[in-house]
Amino acid sequence: MKNQWKTKTLILGAIIGAVAGAASAYLLVKRAEHDEQQPKLSPGEGIQVGLGVLGLMRLISGFGKEA
């Protein structure tokens, strides 16, 4: 019972990540439908997305730390 907060945090993080991923995919599909072509992600865009995700993870990991 003492470490139950860890399990809750992991489950909530997984749910939030899944919802954010599904929303991102939905937006990508909608943009492709609007442009009437298959979704394309260039290598440069892939790197931008990856760095953005890493930056977000770094931001989240810093929450709760004193300055």
Protein backbone atom coordinates (compact mmCIF):
# COMPACT_ATOMS: atom_id res chain seq x y z
CA MET A 1 0.00 0.00 0.00
CA LYS A 2 2.92 2.33 0.71
CA ASN A 3 4.09 2.42 -2.92
CA GLN A 4 0.61 2.58 -4.45
CA TRP A 5 1.26 6.14 -5.65
CA LYS A 6 3.92 4.82 -8.02
CA THR A 7 1.47 2.47 -9.73
CA LYS A 8 -1.18 5.19 -9.99
CA THR A 9 1.36 7.62 -11.45
CA LEU A 10 2.52 5.10 -14.07
CA ILE A 11 -1.02 4.19 -15.08
CA LEU A 12 -2.12 7.82 -15.31
CA GLY A 13 0.99 8.69 -17.34
CA ALA A 14 0.33 5.81 -19.73
CA ILE A 15 -3.29 6.88 -20.21
CA ILE A 16 -2.35 10.51 -20.80
CA GLY A 17 0.36 9.46 -23.26
CA ALA A 18 -2.04 7.21 -25.17
CA VAL A 19 -4.67 9.95 -25.40
CA ALA A 20 -2.09 12.52 -26.52
CA GLY A 21 -0.74 10.10 -29.14
CA ALA A 22 -4.21 9.32 -30.48
CA ALA A 23 -5.06 13.03 -30.65
CA SER A 24 -1.84 13.73 -32.55
CA ALA A 25 -2.54 10.94 -35.02
CA TYR A 26 -6.09 12.24 -35.49
CA LEU A 27 -4.78 15.72 -36.31
CA LEU A 28 -2.24 14.26 -38.75
CA VAL A 29 -4.98 12.28 -40.52
CA LYS A 30 -7.29 15.31 -40.67
CA ARG A 31 -4.51 17.41 -42.19
CA ALA A 32 -3.83 14.68 -44.77
CA GLU A 33 -7.53 14.46 -45.65
CA HIS A 34 -7.66 18.23 -46.08
CA ASP A 35 -4.62 18.11 -48.38
CA GLU A 36 -6.06 15.00 -50.10
CA GLN A 37 -2.87 12.99 -49.75
CA GLN A 38 -1.38 10.38 -47.45
CA PRO A 39 0.26 11.68 -44.29
CA LYS A 40 3.98 12.21 -44.73
CA LEU A 41 6.56 12.92 -42.09
CA SER A 42 9.96 13.96 -43.37
CA PRO A 43 13.12 12.96 -41.49
CA GLY A 44 13.53 16.58 -40.39
CA GLU A 45 10.00 16.68 -39.02
CA GLY A 46 10.62 13.37 -37.26
CA ILE A 47 13.68 14.81 -35.55
CA GLN A 48 11.69 17.90 -34.52
CA VAL A 49 8.97 15.72 -33.02
CA GLY A 50 11.50 13.58 -31.18
CA LEU A 51 13.32 16.58 -29.74
CA GLY A 52 10.01 18.12 -28.74
CA VAL A 53 9.02 14.96 -26.88
CA LEU A 54 12.41 14.85 -25.13
CA GLY A 55 12.04 18.50 -24.13
CA LEU A 56 8.58 17.81 -22.73
CA MET A 57 9.89 14.84 -20.75
CA ARG A 58 12.70 16.99 -19.34
CA LEU A 59 10.17 19.65 -18.35
CA ILE A 60 7.93 17.11 -16.63
CA SER A 61 10.84 15.50 -14.80
CA GLY A 62 11.75 18.92 -13.36
CA PHE A 63 8.35 19.49 -11.75
CA GLY A 64 8.47 19.66 -7.99
CA LYS A 65 12.14 20.52 -7.79
CA GLU A 66 13.15 23.63 -5.94
CA ALA A 67 14.95 26.33 -7.89
